[in-house]
Amino acid sequence: MPDQVLDQVAELVREVAHTVVLPRFQRLADDEVQQKAPGDLVTIADQESERALTRGLTALLPGSTVVGEEAVAADPTVRDRLGGSGAVWIVDPVDGTNNFAAGKTPFCVMVALLRDGETCAAWILDVIGDHLTVAEAGSGAYRDGVRVKTRADDPGAARLRGVISHKYLPDHLRDRVRANAVALGGHTSGRHCAGYEYPAVATDEQQFAMFWRILPWDHVPGTLIVREAGGVTRHLDGADYRPTDRRRGLLVAANEDIWQTVHGTLFPDGPPPTDLT
């Protein structure tokens, strides 16, 4: 991909974040926040950001299409574009909407570009921190212009820190994971913002992250960033994650050895089926 396009997308993401999203932060009226599903919010900033990004991205690549979180909420068949040919943008107009709506951080704007179903570039902007993480397939990952690489060693389970997102885990699996996670050095339920968690693995702020519900706008940008930084992103059964996957369960780790250590610690008797609901 030409550097010019990488830079143009980065500029677009920043522009939308600063002119559409940020002015709404801590200034939302009651009627500007709605509930799409129990515990799942959408704000006027999500909607306006997605419209602005869609216009800008399709102008940059004429003939491209967009799979945006809010477009899929309105019409689930939009998600089917991910399996098509050509250029497809994935857009999360405000990642961490519940944080944003509550006037808290972190929240991000995320974009990824697929060509013929394969992720070729990704952008994650931490809006308040003003940190931009970018990756291009085969060319590495960069945070604020500086190349980032995951750690190469495995210090052992007792010294690993990370995230285990419990929110969507089935009850019996949640209990199993919690019981086994005590052997890890430390874990939290996360910051409720995938756009924060993935760069944190890439920069060694944490060494792993586990998710159950996997929506493409939440995970496609970050998985490319972690992989290009040297990390591993796989389903709990060991299969590599792909943008079109609709299975559940994803473990992200700084390297292969850490992936195996965390996976073996959380699931010593074998991984759960990924088609559980």
C-alpha atoms as a PDB file:
ATOM      1  CA  MET A   1       0.000   0.000   0.000  1.00  0.00           C
ATOM      2  CA  PRO A   2       1.415   3.433  -0.868  1.00  0.00           C
ATOM      3  CA  ASP A   3       2.567   5.429   2.146  1.00  0.00           C
ATOM      4  CA  GLN A   4       0.363   8.239   0.889  1.00  0.00           C
ATOM      5  CA  VAL A   5      -2.786   6.181   1.479  1.00  0.00           C
ATOM      6  CA  LEU A   6      -1.603   5.112   4.938  1.00  0.00           C
ATOM      7  CA  ASP A   7      -1.048   8.752   5.825  1.00  0.00           C
ATOM      8  CA  GLN A   8      -4.341   9.895   4.297  1.00  0.00           C
ATOM      9  CA  VAL A   9      -6.317   7.389   6.348  1.00  0.00           C
ATOM     10  CA  ALA A  10      -4.433   8.415   9.486  1.00  0.00           C
ATOM     11  CA  GLU A  11      -5.270  12.061   8.776  1.00  0.00           C
ATOM     12  CA  LEU A  12      -8.924  11.195   8.188  1.00  0.00           C
ATOM     13  CA  VAL A  13      -9.160   9.231  11.437  1.00  0.00           C
ATOM     14  CA  ARG A  14      -7.635  12.106  13.384  1.00  0.00           C
ATOM     15  CA  GLU A  15      -9.862  14.675  11.700  1.00  0.00           C
ATOM     16  CA  VAL A  16     -13.054  12.743  12.455  1.00  0.00           C
ATOM     17  CA  ALA A  17     -11.956  12.037  16.021  1.00  0.00           C
ATOM     18  CA  HIS A  18     -11.160  15.679  16.705  1.00  0.00           C
ATOM     19  CA  THR A  19     -14.084  17.307  14.878  1.00  0.00           C
ATOM     20  CA  VAL A  20     -16.896  14.780  15.419  1.00  0.00           C
ATOM     21  CA  VAL A  21     -16.121  12.571  18.416  1.00  0.00           C
ATOM     22  CA  LEU A  22     -14.136  14.719  20.832  1.00  0.00           C
ATOM     23  CA  PRO A  23     -16.563  17.693  20.845  1.00  0.00           C
ATOM     24  CA  ARG A  24     -19.281  15.315  22.116  1.00  0.00           C
ATOM     25  CA  PHE A  25     -17.182  13.889  24.950  1.00  0.00           C
ATOM     26  CA  GLN A  26     -18.784  14.689  28.320  1.00  0.00           C
ATOM     27  CA  ARG A  27     -21.331  16.834  26.474  1.00  0.00           C
ATOM     28  CA  LEU A  28     -23.920  14.252  25.388  1.00  0.00           C
ATOM     29  CA  ALA A  29     -27.574  15.060  25.962  1.00  0.00           C
ATOM     30  CA  ASP A  30     -29.835  12.296  27.228  1.00  0.00           C
ATOM     31  CA  ASP A  31     -31.522  11.917  23.860  1.00  0.00           C
ATOM     32  CA  GLU A  32     -28.121  11.492  22.152  1.00  0.00           C
ATOM     33  CA  VAL A  33     -27.502   8.101  23.820  1.00  0.00           C
ATOM     34  CA  GLN A  34     -29.551   5.039  22.924  1.00  0.00           C
ATOM     35  CA  GLN A  35     -29.448   1.355  23.835  1.00  0.00           C
ATOM     36  CA  LYS A  36     -29.053  -1.054  20.909  1.00  0.00           C
ATOM     37  CA  ALA A  37     -29.236  -4.067  23.211  1.00  0.00           C
ATOM     38  CA  PRO A  38     -29.026  -4.529  26.990  1.00  0.00           C
ATOM     39  CA  GLY A  39     -25.736  -2.935  28.062  1.00  0.00           C
ATOM     40  CA  ASP A  40     -24.810  -2.012  24.475  1.00  0.00           C
ATOM     41  CA  LEU A  41     -25.016   1.728  23.778  1.00  0.00           C
ATOM     42  CA  VAL A  42     -24.818   3.893  20.694  1.00  0.00           C
ATOM     43  CA  THR A  43     -24.412   7.664  20.697  1.00  0.00           C
ATOM     44  CA  ILE A  44     -24.829  10.404  18.159  1.00  0.00           C
ATOM     45  CA  ALA A  45     -21.024  10.550  17.991  1.00  0.00           C
ATOM     46  CA  ASP A  46     -20.877   6.895  16.845  1.00  0.00           C
ATOM     47  CA  GLN A  47     -23.392   7.582  14.107  1.00  0.00           C
ATOM     48  CA  GLU A  48     -21.859  10.828  12.878  1.00  0.00           C
ATOM     49  CA  SER A  49     -18.321   9.433  13.058  1.00  0.00           C
ATOM     50  CA  GLU A  50     -19.255   6.384  10.986  1.00  0.00           C
ATOM     51  CA  ARG A  51     -20.933   8.511   8.334  1.00  0.00           C
ATOM     52  CA  ALA A  52     -17.902  10.813   8.082  1.00  0.00           C
ATOM     53  CA  LEU A  53     -15.429   7.919   7.939  1.00  0.00           C
ATOM     54  CA  THR A  54     -17.515   6.115   5.328  1.00  0.00           C
ATOM     55  CA  ARG A  55     -17.548   9.190   3.084  1.00  0.00           C
ATOM     56  CA  GLY A  56     -13.833   9.782   3.481  1.00  0.00           C
ATOM     57  CA  LEU A  57     -12.658   6.195   3.094  1.00  0.00           C
ATOM     58  CA  THR A  58     -14.701   5.442  -0.002  1.00  0.00           C
ATOM     59  CA  ALA A  59     -13.427   8.694  -1.543  1.00  0.00           C
ATOM     60  CA  LEU A  60      -9.845   7.570  -0.922  1.00  0.00           C
ATOM     61  CA  LEU A  61     -10.462   4.202  -2.618  1.00  0.00           C
ATOM     62  CA  PRO A  62     -13.245   4.542  -5.196  1.00  0.00           C
ATOM     63  CA  GLY A  63     -15.155   1.299  -5.546  1.00  0.00           C
ATOM     64  CA  SER A  64     -14.402   0.199  -1.991  1.00  0.00           C
ATOM     65  CA  THR A  65     -17.146  -0.698   0.465  1.00  0.00           C
ATOM     66  CA  VAL A  66     -17.499  -0.235   4.217  1.00  0.00           C
ATOM     67  CA  VAL A  67     -18.527  -2.560   7.043  1.00  0.00           C
ATOM     68  CA  GLY A  68     -19.272  -0.275   9.966  1.00  0.00           C
ATOM     69  CA  GLU A  69     -20.556  -1.234  13.391  1.00  0.00           C
ATOM     70  CA  GLU A  70     -23.642   0.951  13.142  1.00  0.00           C
ATOM     71  CA  ALA A  71     -24.389  -0.033   9.559  1.00  0.00           C
ATOM     72  CA  VAL A  72     -24.393  -3.691  10.610  1.00  0.00           C
ATOM     73  CA  ALA A  73     -26.632  -2.872  13.570  1.00  0.00           C
ATOM     74  CA  ALA A  74     -29.130  -1.396  11.108  1.00  0.00           C
ATOM     75  CA  ASP A  75     -28.709  -4.147   8.490  1.00  0.00           C
ATOM     76  CA  PRO A  76     -26.880  -7.347   9.542  1.00  0.00           C
ATOM     77  CA  THR A  77     -26.346  -8.387   5.909  1.00  0.00           C
ATOM     78  CA  VAL A  78     -23.752  -5.595   5.576  1.00  0.00           C
ATOM     79  CA  ARG A  79     -21.352  -7.863   7.455  1.00  0.00           C
ATOM     80  CA  ASP A  80     -21.423 -10.320   4.544  1.00  0.00           C
ATOM     81  CA  ARG A  81     -19.255  -7.881   2.574  1.00  0.00           C
ATOM     82  CA  LEU A  82     -16.267  -9.126   4.575  1.00  0.00           C
ATOM     83  CA  GLY A  83     -16.208 -12.320   2.540  1.00  0.00           C
ATOM     84  CA  GLY A  84     -16.301 -10.517  -0.786  1.00  0.00           C
ATOM     85  CA  SER A  85     -13.560  -9.520  -3.185  1.00  0.00           C
ATOM     86  CA  GLY A  86     -11.954  -6.138  -3.571  1.00  0.00           C
ATOM     87  CA  ALA A  87     -11.308  -3.474  -0.958  1.00  0.00           C
ATOM     88  CA  VAL A  88     -13.448  -3.447   2.182  1.00  0.00           C
ATOM     89  CA  TRP A  89     -13.030  -1.027   5.075  1.00  0.00           C
ATOM     90  CA  ILE A  90     -13.960  -2.067   8.615  1.00  0.00           C
ATOM     91  CA  VAL A  91     -14.946   0.857  10.833  1.00  0.00           C
ATOM     92  CA  ASP A  92     -15.461   1.153  14.566  1.00  0.00           C
ATOM     93  CA  PRO A  93     -16.484   4.813  14.817  1.00  0.00           C
ATOM     94  CA  VAL A  94     -16.165   4.933  18.624  1.00  0.00           C
ATOM     95  CA  ASP A  95     -14.629   1.891  20.244  1.00  0.00           C
ATOM     96  CA  GLY A  96     -15.433   1.908  23.946  1.00  0.00           C
ATOM     97  CA  THR A  97     -18.821   3.569  23.484  1.00  0.00           C
ATOM     98  CA  ASN A  98     -19.958   2.751  27.018  1.00  0.00           C
ATOM     99  CA  ASN A  99     -16.881   4.537  28.377  1.00  0.00           C
ATOM    100  CA  PHE A 100     -17.475   7.471  26.051  1.00  0.00           C
ATOM    101  CA  ALA A 101     -21.145   7.748  27.005  1.00  0.00           C
ATOM    102  CA  ALA A 102     -20.219   7.703  30.685  1.00  0.00           C
ATOM    103  CA  GLY A 103     -17.669  10.478  30.186  1.00  0.00           C
ATOM    104  CA  LYS A 104     -14.757   8.118  30.855  1.00  0.00           C
ATOM    105  CA  THR A 105     -11.694   6.920  28.979  1.00  0.00           C
ATOM    106  CA  PRO A 106     -10.353   5.084  27.077  1.00  0.00           C
ATOM    107  CA  PHE A 107     -12.168   5.243  23.765  1.00  0.00           C
ATOM    108  CA  CYS A 108     -10.766   4.973  20.266  1.00  0.00           C
ATOM    109  CA  VAL A 109     -11.525   5.298  16.579  1.00  0.00           C
ATOM    110  CA  MET A 110     -10.521   2.219  14.587  1.00  0.00           C
ATOM    111  CA  VAL A 111     -10.258   1.384  10.890  1.00  0.00           C
ATOM    112  CA  ALA A 112      -8.957  -1.633   8.996  1.00  0.00           C
ATOM    113  CA  LEU A 113      -8.624  -2.336   5.283  1.00  0.00           C
ATOM    114  CA  LEU A 114      -9.250  -5.761   3.802  1.00  0.00           C
ATOM    115  CA  ARG A 115      -8.408  -6.848   0.280  1.00  0.00           C
ATOM    116  CA  ASP A 116     -10.052 -10.058  -0.893  1.00  0.00           C
ATOM    117  CA  GLY A 117     -10.812 -10.981   2.712  1.00  0.00           C
ATOM    118  CA  GLU A 118      -7.291 -10.465   4.078  1.00  0.00           C
ATOM    119  CA  THR A 119      -6.375  -7.628   6.447  1.00  0.00           C
ATOM    120  CA  CYS A 120      -3.707  -5.450   4.866  1.00  0.00           C
ATOM    121  CA  ALA A 121      -3.707  -2.339   7.090  1.00  0.00           C
ATOM    122  CA  ALA A 122      -5.066  -1.067  10.405  1.00  0.00           C
ATOM    123  CA  TRP A 123      -5.306   2.193  12.313  1.00  0.00           C
ATOM    124  CA  ILE A 124      -6.216   2.709  16.000  1.00  0.00           C
ATOM    125  CA  LEU A 125      -6.389   6.205  17.469  1.00  0.00           C
ATOM    126  CA  ASP A 126      -6.597   6.637  21.238  1.00  0.00           C
ATOM    127  CA  VAL A 127      -8.589   9.851  21.063  1.00  0.00           C
ATOM    128  CA  ILE A 128      -7.784  11.382  24.469  1.00  0.00           C
ATOM    129  CA  GLY A 129      -4.208  10.098  24.639  1.00  0.00           C
ATOM    130  CA  ASP A 130      -3.730  11.117  20.972  1.00  0.00           C
ATOM    131  CA  HIS A 131      -1.726   7.955  20.290  1.00  0.00           C
ATOM    132  CA  LEU A 132      -2.009   6.528  16.784  1.00  0.00           C
ATOM    133  CA  THR A 133      -1.042   2.903  16.197  1.00  0.00           C
ATOM    134  CA  VAL A 134      -0.751   1.786  12.567  1.00  0.00           C
ATOM    135  CA  ALA A 135       0.137  -1.535  10.964  1.00  0.00           C
ATOM    136  CA  GLU A 136       0.565  -2.708   7.395  1.00  0.00           C
ATOM    137  CA  ALA A 137       0.755  -6.396   6.548  1.00  0.00           C
ATOM    138  CA  GLY A 138       4.391  -7.362   6.096  1.00  0.00           C
ATOM    139  CA  SER A 139       5.707  -3.944   7.134  1.00  0.00           C
ATOM    140  CA  GLY A 140       5.418  -3.916  10.925  1.00  0.00           C
ATOM    141  CA  ALA A 141       3.453  -1.933  13.486  1.00  0.00           C
ATOM    142  CA  TYR A 142       4.098   1.657  14.558  1.00  0.00           C
ATOM    143  CA  ARG A 143       2.875   3.774  17.457  1.00  0.00           C
ATOM    144  CA  ASP A 144       3.203   7.501  16.902  1.00  0.00           C
ATOM    145  CA  GLY A 145       5.661   6.764  14.120  1.00  0.00           C
ATOM    146  CA  VAL A 146       7.957   4.523  16.198  1.00  0.00           C
ATOM    147  CA  ARG A 147       8.111   0.820  15.399  1.00  0.00           C
ATOM    148  CA  VAL A 148       6.819  -1.401  18.183  1.00  0.00           C
ATOM    149  CA  LYS A 149       7.656  -5.036  18.830  1.00  0.00           C
ATOM    150  CA  THR A 150       6.235  -7.411  21.381  1.00  0.00           C
ATOM    151  CA  ARG A 151       8.498  -8.972  23.955  1.00  0.00           C
ATOM    152  CA  ALA A 152      10.317 -12.081  22.743  1.00  0.00           C
ATOM    153  CA  ASP A 153      10.691 -14.003  26.019  1.00  0.00           C
ATOM    154  CA  ASP A 154       8.266 -15.852  28.276  1.00  0.00           C
ATOM    155  CA  PRO A 155       8.874 -15.042  31.958  1.00  0.00           C
ATOM    156  CA  GLY A 156       6.437 -17.743  33.077  1.00  0.00           C
ATOM    157  CA  ALA A 157       2.785 -17.722  34.100  1.00  0.00           C
ATOM    158  CA  ALA A 158       3.375 -16.130  37.501  1.00  0.00           C
ATOM    159  CA  ARG A 159       4.892 -13.035  35.879  1.00  0.00           C
ATOM    160  CA  LEU A 160       2.406 -12.503  33.074  1.00  0.00           C
ATOM    161  CA  ARG A 161      -0.166  -9.704  33.215  1.00  0.00           C
ATOM    162  CA  GLY A 162      -3.138  -9.247  30.978  1.00  0.00           C
ATOM    163  CA  VAL A 163      -6.861  -9.064  30.391  1.00  0.00           C
ATOM    164  CA  ILE A 164      -9.558 -11.697  30.668  1.00  0.00           C
ATOM    165  CA  SER A 165     -12.800 -10.201  29.414  1.00  0.00           C
ATOM    166  CA  HIS A 166     -15.498 -12.018  31.407  1.00  0.00           C
ATOM    167  CA  LYS A 167     -18.512 -10.077  30.161  1.00  0.00           C
ATOM    168  CA  TYR A 168     -19.774 -12.503  27.526  1.00  0.00           C
ATOM    169  CA  LEU A 169     -18.319 -15.755  28.851  1.00  0.00           C
ATOM    170  CA  PRO A 170     -20.865 -18.517  29.578  1.00  0.00           C
ATOM    171  CA  ASP A 171     -21.250 -18.997  33.329  1.00  0.00           C
ATOM    172  CA  HIS A 172     -19.585 -22.405  33.507  1.00  0.00           C
ATOM    173  CA  LEU A 173     -16.635 -21.238  31.414  1.00  0.00           C
ATOM    174  CA  ARG A 174     -16.300 -18.040  33.444  1.00  0.00           C
ATOM    175  CA  ASP A 175     -15.962 -20.045  36.652  1.00  0.00           C
ATOM    176  CA  ARG A 176     -13.393 -22.348  35.071  1.00  0.00           C
ATOM    177  CA  VAL A 177     -11.289 -19.480  33.744  1.00  0.00           C
ATOM    178  CA  ARG A 178     -11.407 -17.536  37.007  1.00  0.00           C
ATOM    179  CA  ALA A 179     -10.285 -20.548  39.013  1.00  0.00           C
ATOM    180  CA  ASN A 180      -7.324 -21.220  36.741  1.00  0.00           C
ATOM    181  CA  ALA A 181      -6.323 -17.570  36.279  1.00  0.00           C
ATOM    182  CA  VAL A 182      -5.023 -17.350  39.857  1.00  0.00           C
ATOM    183  CA  ALA A 183      -1.829 -18.975  38.577  1.00  0.00           C
ATOM    184  CA  LEU A 184      -1.137 -15.962  36.367  1.00  0.00           C
ATOM    185  CA  GLY A 185       0.764 -12.963  37.637  1.00  0.00           C
ATOM    186  CA  GLY A 186      -2.157 -10.599  37.295  1.00  0.00           C
ATOM    187  CA  HIS A 187      -5.256  -9.990  35.246  1.00  0.00           C
ATOM    188  CA  THR A 188      -8.158  -7.565  35.013  1.00  0.00           C
ATOM    189  CA  SER A 189     -11.438  -7.582  33.142  1.00  0.00           C
ATOM    190  CA  GLY A 190     -10.004  -4.914  30.853  1.00  0.00           C
ATOM    191  CA  ARG A 191     -10.723  -1.302  30.040  1.00  0.00           C
ATOM    192  CA  HIS A 192     -13.821  -2.104  27.955  1.00  0.00           C
ATOM    193  CA  CYS A 193     -12.081  -0.854  24.838  1.00  0.00           C
ATOM    194  CA  ALA A 194     -10.404  -3.302  22.455  1.00  0.00           C
ATOM    195  CA  GLY A 195      -8.584  -0.405  20.840  1.00  0.00           C
ATOM    196  CA  TYR A 196      -6.724   0.027  24.101  1.00  0.00           C
ATOM    197  CA  GLU A 197      -6.025  -3.654  24.818  1.00  0.00           C
ATOM    198  CA  TYR A 198      -4.321  -4.591  21.545  1.00  0.00           C
ATOM    199  CA  PRO A 199      -1.714  -1.805  21.483  1.00  0.00           C
ATOM    200  CA  ALA A 200      -1.066  -2.576  25.156  1.00  0.00           C
ATOM    201  CA  VAL A 201       0.027  -6.095  24.132  1.00  0.00           C
ATOM    202  CA  ALA A 202       2.099  -4.754  21.249  1.00  0.00           C
ATOM    203  CA  THR A 203       3.993  -2.387  23.577  1.00  0.00           C
ATOM    204  CA  ASP A 204       4.373  -4.858  26.504  1.00  0.00           C
ATOM    205  CA  GLU A 205       2.111  -2.929  28.847  1.00  0.00           C
ATOM    206  CA  GLN A 206       0.457  -6.321  29.160  1.00  0.00           C
ATOM    207  CA  GLN A 207       1.343  -9.689  27.695  1.00  0.00           C
ATOM    208  CA  PHE A 208      -2.030 -11.208  26.804  1.00  0.00           C
ATOM    209  CA  ALA A 209      -5.732 -10.576  26.355  1.00  0.00           C
ATOM    210  CA  MET A 210      -8.599 -13.050  26.119  1.00  0.00           C
ATOM    211  CA  PHE A 211     -12.003 -12.271  24.614  1.00  0.00           C
ATOM    212  CA  TRP A 212     -15.127 -14.352  24.046  1.00  0.00           C
ATOM    213  CA  ARG A 213     -17.417 -12.284  21.795  1.00  0.00           C
ATOM    214  CA  ILE A 214     -15.497 -11.348  18.659  1.00  0.00           C
ATOM    215  CA  LEU A 215     -16.977  -8.695  16.392  1.00  0.00           C
ATOM    216  CA  PRO A 216     -14.842  -7.682  13.398  1.00  0.00           C
ATOM    217  CA  TRP A 217     -14.813  -3.932  14.081  1.00  0.00           C
ATOM    218  CA  ASP A 218     -13.554  -4.633  17.610  1.00  0.00           C
ATOM    219  CA  HIS A 219     -10.831  -7.137  16.696  1.00  0.00           C
ATOM    220  CA  VAL A 220      -9.691  -6.973  13.068  1.00  0.00           C
ATOM    221  CA  PRO A 221      -7.615  -3.767  13.487  1.00  0.00           C
ATOM    222  CA  GLY A 222      -5.949  -4.924  16.692  1.00  0.00           C
ATOM    223  CA  THR A 223      -5.132  -8.431  15.531  1.00  0.00           C
ATOM    224  CA  LEU A 224      -3.110  -7.099  12.605  1.00  0.00           C
ATOM    225  CA  ILE A 225      -1.270  -4.679  14.889  1.00  0.00           C
ATOM    226  CA  VAL A 226      -0.332  -7.414  17.356  1.00  0.00           C
ATOM    227  CA  ARG A 227       0.741  -9.808  14.618  1.00  0.00           C
ATOM    228  CA  GLU A 228       2.858  -7.185  12.879  1.00  0.00           C
ATOM    229  CA  ALA A 229       4.484  -6.391  16.222  1.00  0.00           C
ATOM    230  CA  GLY A 230       5.436 -10.062  16.615  1.00  0.00           C
ATOM    231  CA  GLY A 231       2.488 -11.402  18.604  1.00  0.00           C
ATOM    232  CA  VAL A 232      -0.024 -14.219  18.167  1.00  0.00           C
ATOM    233  CA  THR A 233      -3.825 -14.043  17.788  1.00  0.00           C
ATOM    234  CA  ARG A 234      -5.680 -17.354  17.791  1.00  0.00           C
ATOM    235  CA  HIS A 235      -9.008 -18.844  18.712  1.00  0.00           C
ATOM    236  CA  LEU A 236      -9.027 -20.896  21.895  1.00  0.00           C
ATOM    237  CA  ASP A 237      -8.900 -24.088  19.816  1.00  0.00           C
ATOM    238  CA  GLY A 238      -5.613 -22.917  18.272  1.00  0.00           C
ATOM    239  CA  ALA A 239      -6.968 -21.836  14.883  1.00  0.00           C
ATOM    240  CA  ASP A 240      -5.688 -18.547  13.506  1.00  0.00           C
ATOM    241  CA  TYR A 241      -8.188 -15.707  13.648  1.00  0.00           C
ATOM    242  CA  ARG A 242      -9.587 -14.415  10.351  1.00  0.00           C
ATOM    243  CA  PRO A 243     -11.790 -11.360   9.718  1.00  0.00           C
ATOM    244  CA  THR A 244     -14.708 -13.473   8.498  1.00  0.00           C
ATOM    245  CA  ASP A 245     -14.739 -15.746  11.580  1.00  0.00           C
ATOM    246  CA  ARG A 246     -17.965 -15.897  13.552  1.00  0.00           C
ATOM    247  CA  ARG A 247     -16.703 -18.278  16.199  1.00  0.00           C
ATOM    248  CA  ARG A 248     -16.154 -17.267  19.784  1.00  0.00           C
ATOM    249  CA  GLY A 249     -13.064 -17.161  21.922  1.00  0.00           C
ATOM    250  CA  LEU A 250      -9.814 -15.380  21.075  1.00  0.00           C
ATOM    251  CA  LEU A 251      -6.493 -15.346  22.903  1.00  0.00           C
ATOM    252  CA  VAL A 252      -3.991 -12.641  22.020  1.00  0.00           C
ATOM    253  CA  ALA A 253      -0.415 -12.924  23.272  1.00  0.00           C
ATOM    254  CA  ALA A 254       2.926 -11.203  22.859  1.00  0.00           C
ATOM    255  CA  ASN A 255       4.572 -14.289  21.355  1.00  0.00           C
ATOM    256  CA  GLU A 256       4.076 -17.996  20.728  1.00  0.00           C
ATOM    257  CA  ASP A 257       5.542 -19.146  24.048  1.00  0.00           C
ATOM    258  CA  ILE A 258       3.367 -16.755  26.049  1.00  0.00           C
ATOM    259  CA  TRP A 259       0.300 -17.855  24.077  1.00  0.00           C
ATOM    260  CA  GLN A 260       1.001 -21.459  24.982  1.00  0.00           C
ATOM    261  CA  THR A 261       1.679 -20.613  28.639  1.00  0.00           C
ATOM    262  CA  VAL A 262      -1.509 -18.588  29.099  1.00  0.00           C
ATOM    263  CA  HIS A 263      -3.622 -21.068  27.157  1.00  0.00           C
ATOM    264  CA  GLY A 264      -2.243 -24.014  29.125  1.00  0.00           C
ATOM    265  CA  THR A 265      -2.842 -22.183  32.398  1.00  0.00           C
ATOM    266  CA  LEU A 266      -6.432 -21.220  31.646  1.00  0.00           C
ATOM    267  CA  PHE A 267      -7.385 -24.467  29.896  1.00  0.00           C
ATOM    268  CA  PRO A 268      -5.224 -27.286  31.302  1.00  0.00           C
ATOM    269  CA  ASP A 269      -7.863 -29.866  30.334  1.00  0.00           C
ATOM    270  CA  GLY A 270      -8.229 -28.591  26.790  1.00  0.00           C
ATOM    271  CA  PRO A 271      -9.966 -25.633  25.146  1.00  0.00           C
ATOM    272  CA  PRO A 272     -13.736 -25.146  25.135  1.00  0.00           C
ATOM    273  CA  PRO A 273     -15.773 -25.516  21.927  1.00  0.00           C
ATOM    274  CA  THR A 274     -15.778 -22.177  20.116  1.00  0.00           C
ATOM    275  CA  ASP A 275     -19.382 -22.486  18.997  1.00  0.00           C
ATOM    276  CA  LEU A 276     -20.777 -22.188  22.545  1.00  0.00           C
ATOM    277  CA  THR A 277     -23.312 -19.390  23.097  1.00  0.00           C
END
